[in-house]
């Protein structure tokens, strides 16, 4: 059996600039309930509830500054909540887990396909094709995220003695 006494507890990092408010609310409740560190990283000021388990980290503006900050601070086993596919790929390379706000995990099995599709859609848009945007964020998306997060935490957090 693996000794986890020296390992820092899992942290949750949030690519907060584009994260829906309802997802942040779910994460705030989880942070306090499980006494788990949740850090929102953004290049704008983010308001967070007063809690010793929740913090906001503002980084300078610029392409991928927040992503780089998350990857640099990430420890293997940490969870990153992001809709940014290139960031998710970097998280996986470093041994972290990546979950999008719609409740879908990025994995080593699906990240290459997602990156390819993203590049294809970018190419279409740069050629003037209107590809539309993602569908509106729904109650079902919120529920799928909460369920995926709960399952992940149940699998990866050490059980506390009763």
C-alpha atoms as a PDB file:
ATOM      1  CA  UNK A   1       0.000   0.000   0.000  1.00  0.00           C
ATOM      2  CA  UNK A   2       1.230   3.487  -0.850  1.00  0.00           C
ATOM      3  CA  UNK A   3       2.196   5.772   2.026  1.00  0.00           C
ATOM      4  CA  UNK A   4       0.397   9.091   1.589  1.00  0.00           C
ATOM      5  CA  UNK A   5       1.531  10.732   4.822  1.00  0.00           C
ATOM      6  CA  UNK A   6       4.167  12.882   3.091  1.00  0.00           C
ATOM      7  CA  UNK A   7       1.982  13.876   0.156  1.00  0.00           C
ATOM      8  CA  UNK A   8       0.290  17.251   0.310  1.00  0.00           C
ATOM      9  CA  UNK A   9      -3.481  16.992   0.038  1.00  0.00           C
ATOM     10  CA  UNK A  10      -5.021  17.391  -3.397  1.00  0.00           C
ATOM     11  CA  UNK A  11      -5.749  20.931  -4.462  1.00  0.00           C
ATOM     12  CA  UNK A  12      -8.280  22.164  -6.969  1.00  0.00           C
ATOM     13  CA  UNK A  13      -7.127  24.861  -9.395  1.00  0.00           C
ATOM     14  CA  UNK A  14      -9.700  26.811 -11.401  1.00  0.00           C
ATOM     15  CA  UNK A  15      -9.024  28.525 -14.705  1.00  0.00           C
ATOM     16  CA  UNK A  16     -11.406  31.191 -13.478  1.00  0.00           C
ATOM     17  CA  UNK A  17     -11.653  33.780 -16.269  1.00  0.00           C
ATOM     18  CA  UNK A  18     -14.207  31.751 -18.234  1.00  0.00           C
ATOM     19  CA  UNK A  19     -15.544  29.435 -15.509  1.00  0.00           C
ATOM     20  CA  UNK A  20     -19.334  29.734 -15.044  1.00  0.00           C
ATOM     21  CA  UNK A  21     -20.433  31.201 -11.710  1.00  0.00           C
ATOM     22  CA  UNK A  22     -22.542  28.137 -10.854  1.00  0.00           C
ATOM     23  CA  UNK A  23     -19.449  25.934 -11.151  1.00  0.00           C
ATOM     24  CA  UNK A  24     -17.497  28.252  -8.850  1.00  0.00           C
ATOM     25  CA  UNK A  25     -20.355  28.003  -6.318  1.00  0.00           C
ATOM     26  CA  UNK A  26     -20.188  24.192  -6.399  1.00  0.00           C
ATOM     27  CA  UNK A  27     -16.421  24.349  -5.854  1.00  0.00           C
ATOM     28  CA  UNK A  28     -16.798  26.812  -2.947  1.00  0.00           C
ATOM     29  CA  UNK A  29     -19.203  24.424  -1.181  1.00  0.00           C
ATOM     30  CA  UNK A  30     -16.872  21.460  -1.790  1.00  0.00           C
ATOM     31  CA  UNK A  31     -13.870  23.409  -0.446  1.00  0.00           C
ATOM     32  CA  UNK A  32     -15.558  24.117   2.873  1.00  0.00           C
ATOM     33  CA  UNK A  33     -17.303  20.750   3.202  1.00  0.00           C
ATOM     34  CA  UNK A  34     -14.141  18.707   2.532  1.00  0.00           C
ATOM     35  CA  UNK A  35     -11.634  21.286   3.837  1.00  0.00           C
ATOM     36  CA  UNK A  36      -9.930  21.206   0.467  1.00  0.00           C
ATOM     37  CA  UNK A  37      -7.886  24.075  -0.992  1.00  0.00           C
ATOM     38  CA  UNK A  38      -9.529  25.659  -4.053  1.00  0.00           C
ATOM     39  CA  UNK A  39      -7.590  28.375  -5.886  1.00  0.00           C
ATOM     40  CA  UNK A  40      -9.132  30.468  -8.645  1.00  0.00           C
ATOM     41  CA  UNK A  41      -6.544  31.863 -11.065  1.00  0.00           C
ATOM     42  CA  UNK A  42      -7.497  34.735 -13.359  1.00  0.00           C
ATOM     43  CA  UNK A  43      -6.115  37.898 -14.904  1.00  0.00           C
ATOM     44  CA  UNK A  44      -9.022  39.875 -13.486  1.00  0.00           C
ATOM     45  CA  UNK A  45     -10.059  40.426  -9.895  1.00  0.00           C
ATOM     46  CA  UNK A  46     -12.192  37.496  -8.684  1.00  0.00           C
ATOM     47  CA  UNK A  47     -14.324  37.792  -5.571  1.00  0.00           C
ATOM     48  CA  UNK A  48     -14.383  34.700  -3.393  1.00  0.00           C
ATOM     49  CA  UNK A  49     -16.180  33.943  -0.141  1.00  0.00           C
ATOM     50  CA  UNK A  50     -14.278  34.377   3.093  1.00  0.00           C
ATOM     51  CA  UNK A  51     -12.908  30.896   3.742  1.00  0.00           C
ATOM     52  CA  UNK A  52      -9.510  29.582   4.679  1.00  0.00           C
ATOM     53  CA  UNK A  53      -9.940  26.964   1.936  1.00  0.00           C
ATOM     54  CA  UNK A  54     -10.735  29.325  -0.953  1.00  0.00           C
ATOM     55  CA  UNK A  55      -8.410  31.867  -2.502  1.00  0.00           C
ATOM     56  CA  UNK A  56      -8.107  33.918  -5.644  1.00  0.00           C
ATOM     57  CA  UNK A  57      -4.852  34.518  -7.438  1.00  0.00           C
ATOM     58  CA  UNK A  58      -4.749  37.425  -9.886  1.00  0.00           C
ATOM     59  CA  UNK A  59      -2.077  37.202 -12.571  1.00  0.00           C
ATOM     60  CA  UNK A  60      -1.028  39.828 -15.148  1.00  0.00           C
ATOM     61  CA  UNK A  61      -2.983  40.050 -18.397  1.00  0.00           C
ATOM     62  CA  UNK A  62      -1.587  38.226 -21.373  1.00  0.00           C
ATOM     63  CA  UNK A  63      -2.005  35.121 -23.448  1.00  0.00           C
ATOM     64  CA  UNK A  64      -1.771  31.967 -21.339  1.00  0.00           C
ATOM     65  CA  UNK A  65      -0.430  33.749 -18.218  1.00  0.00           C
ATOM     66  CA  UNK A  66      -3.084  32.157 -15.983  1.00  0.00           C
ATOM     67  CA  UNK A  67      -2.534  28.766 -17.648  1.00  0.00           C
ATOM     68  CA  UNK A  68       1.218  28.918 -17.047  1.00  0.00           C
ATOM     69  CA  UNK A  69       0.692  29.934 -13.414  1.00  0.00           C
ATOM     70  CA  UNK A  70      -1.620  26.955 -12.856  1.00  0.00           C
ATOM     71  CA  UNK A  71       0.783  24.491 -14.486  1.00  0.00           C
ATOM     72  CA  UNK A  72       3.771  25.832 -12.509  1.00  0.00           C
ATOM     73  CA  UNK A  73       1.948  25.472  -9.172  1.00  0.00           C
ATOM     74  CA  UNK A  74       0.212  22.193  -9.978  1.00  0.00           C
ATOM     75  CA  UNK A  75       1.299  19.057  -8.135  1.00  0.00           C
ATOM     76  CA  UNK A  76       0.698  15.575  -9.559  1.00  0.00           C
ATOM     77  CA  UNK A  77      -2.766  14.434  -8.506  1.00  0.00           C
ATOM     78  CA  UNK A  78      -4.207  17.960  -8.314  1.00  0.00           C
ATOM     79  CA  UNK A  79      -7.429  18.717 -10.180  1.00  0.00           C
ATOM     80  CA  UNK A  80      -7.773  21.596 -12.650  1.00  0.00           C
ATOM     81  CA  UNK A  81     -11.185  22.852 -13.734  1.00  0.00           C
ATOM     82  CA  UNK A  82     -10.866  24.340 -17.220  1.00  0.00           C
ATOM     83  CA  UNK A  83     -12.496  24.488 -20.606  1.00  0.00           C
ATOM     84  CA  UNK A  84      -9.112  25.288 -22.178  1.00  0.00           C
ATOM     85  CA  UNK A  85      -7.976  22.194 -24.100  1.00  0.00           C
ATOM     86  CA  UNK A  86      -4.270  23.176 -24.441  1.00  0.00           C
ATOM     87  CA  UNK A  87      -4.164  23.854 -20.670  1.00  0.00           C
ATOM     88  CA  UNK A  88      -5.804  20.483 -20.032  1.00  0.00           C
ATOM     89  CA  UNK A  89      -3.086  18.808 -22.136  1.00  0.00           C
ATOM     90  CA  UNK A  90      -0.363  20.500 -20.053  1.00  0.00           C
ATOM     91  CA  UNK A  91      -2.109  19.439 -16.829  1.00  0.00           C
ATOM     92  CA  UNK A  92      -2.236  15.813 -17.967  1.00  0.00           C
ATOM     93  CA  UNK A  93       1.463  15.923 -18.949  1.00  0.00           C
ATOM     94  CA  UNK A  94       2.306  17.043 -15.411  1.00  0.00           C
ATOM     95  CA  UNK A  95       0.274  14.265 -13.761  1.00  0.00           C
ATOM     96  CA  UNK A  96      -2.808  16.263 -12.851  1.00  0.00           C
ATOM     97  CA  UNK A  97      -6.461  15.714 -13.650  1.00  0.00           C
ATOM     98  CA  UNK A  98      -8.445  18.085 -15.877  1.00  0.00           C
ATOM     99  CA  UNK A  99     -12.223  18.471 -15.744  1.00  0.00           C
ATOM    100  CA  UNK A 100     -14.225  20.847 -17.911  1.00  0.00           C
ATOM    101  CA  UNK A 101     -17.160  22.855 -16.512  1.00  0.00           C
ATOM    102  CA  UNK A 102     -19.622  20.551 -18.301  1.00  0.00           C
ATOM    103  CA  UNK A 103     -18.397  17.587 -16.259  1.00  0.00           C
ATOM    104  CA  UNK A 104     -16.203  15.836 -18.834  1.00  0.00           C
ATOM    105  CA  UNK A 105     -12.693  14.733 -17.914  1.00  0.00           C
ATOM    106  CA  UNK A 106      -9.864  15.250 -20.338  1.00  0.00           C
ATOM    107  CA  UNK A 107      -7.776  12.069 -20.480  1.00  0.00           C
ATOM    108  CA  UNK A 108      -4.632  10.832 -22.168  1.00  0.00           C
ATOM    109  CA  UNK A 109      -7.016   8.840 -24.422  1.00  0.00           C
ATOM    110  CA  UNK A 110      -9.106  11.814 -25.609  1.00  0.00           C
ATOM    111  CA  UNK A 111      -6.846  14.878 -25.411  1.00  0.00           C
ATOM    112  CA  UNK A 112      -5.137  14.415 -28.812  1.00  0.00           C
ATOM    113  CA  UNK A 113      -8.511  14.210 -30.574  1.00  0.00           C
ATOM    114  CA  UNK A 114      -9.758  17.277 -28.686  1.00  0.00           C
ATOM    115  CA  UNK A 115      -6.643  19.263 -29.653  1.00  0.00           C
ATOM    116  CA  UNK A 116      -7.055  18.223 -33.295  1.00  0.00           C
ATOM    117  CA  UNK A 117     -10.725  19.247 -33.320  1.00  0.00           C
ATOM    118  CA  UNK A 118      -9.871  22.581 -31.690  1.00  0.00           C
ATOM    119  CA  UNK A 119      -7.213  23.287 -34.352  1.00  0.00           C
ATOM    120  CA  UNK A 120      -9.652  22.326 -37.118  1.00  0.00           C
ATOM    121  CA  UNK A 121     -12.354  24.654 -35.758  1.00  0.00           C
ATOM    122  CA  UNK A 122      -9.798  27.478 -35.434  1.00  0.00           C
ATOM    123  CA  UNK A 123      -8.793  26.933 -39.052  1.00  0.00           C
ATOM    124  CA  UNK A 124     -12.442  27.130 -40.147  1.00  0.00           C
ATOM    125  CA  UNK A 125     -12.982  30.338 -38.161  1.00  0.00           C
ATOM    126  CA  UNK A 126      -9.818  31.942 -39.568  1.00  0.00           C
ATOM    127  CA  UNK A 127     -11.163  31.107 -43.028  1.00  0.00           C
ATOM    128  CA  UNK A 128     -14.335  33.064 -42.266  1.00  0.00           C
ATOM    129  CA  UNK A 129     -16.640  30.138 -41.452  1.00  0.00           C
ATOM    130  CA  UNK A 130     -19.101  30.881 -38.652  1.00  0.00           C
ATOM    131  CA  UNK A 131     -18.838  27.799 -36.460  1.00  0.00           C
ATOM    132  CA  UNK A 132     -21.208  29.127 -33.808  1.00  0.00           C
ATOM    133  CA  UNK A 133     -20.319  28.795 -30.173  1.00  0.00           C
ATOM    134  CA  UNK A 134     -20.834  26.180 -27.538  1.00  0.00           C
ATOM    135  CA  UNK A 135     -24.410  25.515 -26.459  1.00  0.00           C
ATOM    136  CA  UNK A 136     -25.722  27.536 -23.524  1.00  0.00           C
ATOM    137  CA  UNK A 137     -24.679  26.220 -20.126  1.00  0.00           C
ATOM    138  CA  UNK A 138     -27.595  24.191 -18.756  1.00  0.00           C
ATOM    139  CA  UNK A 139     -28.856  22.734 -15.490  1.00  0.00           C
ATOM    140  CA  UNK A 140     -27.906  19.299 -16.865  1.00  0.00           C
ATOM    141  CA  UNK A 141     -24.316  20.539 -17.422  1.00  0.00           C
ATOM    142  CA  UNK A 142     -24.207  21.808 -13.838  1.00  0.00           C
ATOM    143  CA  UNK A 143     -25.444  18.460 -12.522  1.00  0.00           C
ATOM    144  CA  UNK A 144     -23.023  16.493 -14.695  1.00  0.00           C
ATOM    145  CA  UNK A 145     -20.136  18.606 -13.359  1.00  0.00           C
ATOM    146  CA  UNK A 146     -21.208  18.106  -9.723  1.00  0.00           C
ATOM    147  CA  UNK A 147     -21.542  14.335 -10.229  1.00  0.00           C
ATOM    148  CA  UNK A 148     -18.169  14.003 -11.985  1.00  0.00           C
ATOM    149  CA  UNK A 149     -16.490  16.078  -9.262  1.00  0.00           C
ATOM    150  CA  UNK A 150     -18.055  13.995  -6.474  1.00  0.00           C
ATOM    151  CA  UNK A 151     -16.992  10.707  -8.100  1.00  0.00           C
ATOM    152  CA  UNK A 152     -13.443  11.997  -8.630  1.00  0.00           C
ATOM    153  CA  UNK A 153     -13.084  13.218  -5.049  1.00  0.00           C
ATOM    154  CA  UNK A 154     -14.493   9.960  -3.652  1.00  0.00           C
ATOM    155  CA  UNK A 155     -11.835   8.042  -5.616  1.00  0.00           C
ATOM    156  CA  UNK A 156      -8.850  10.301  -4.970  1.00  0.00           C
ATOM    157  CA  UNK A 157      -9.200  11.807  -1.515  1.00  0.00           C
ATOM    158  CA  UNK A 158      -7.901   9.828   1.430  1.00  0.00           C
ATOM    159  CA  UNK A 159     -10.680   8.577   3.650  1.00  0.00           C
ATOM    160  CA  UNK A 160     -10.803  10.247   7.038  1.00  0.00           C
ATOM    161  CA  UNK A 161     -11.098   7.978  10.075  1.00  0.00           C
ATOM    162  CA  UNK A 162     -14.620   7.906  11.495  1.00  0.00           C
END
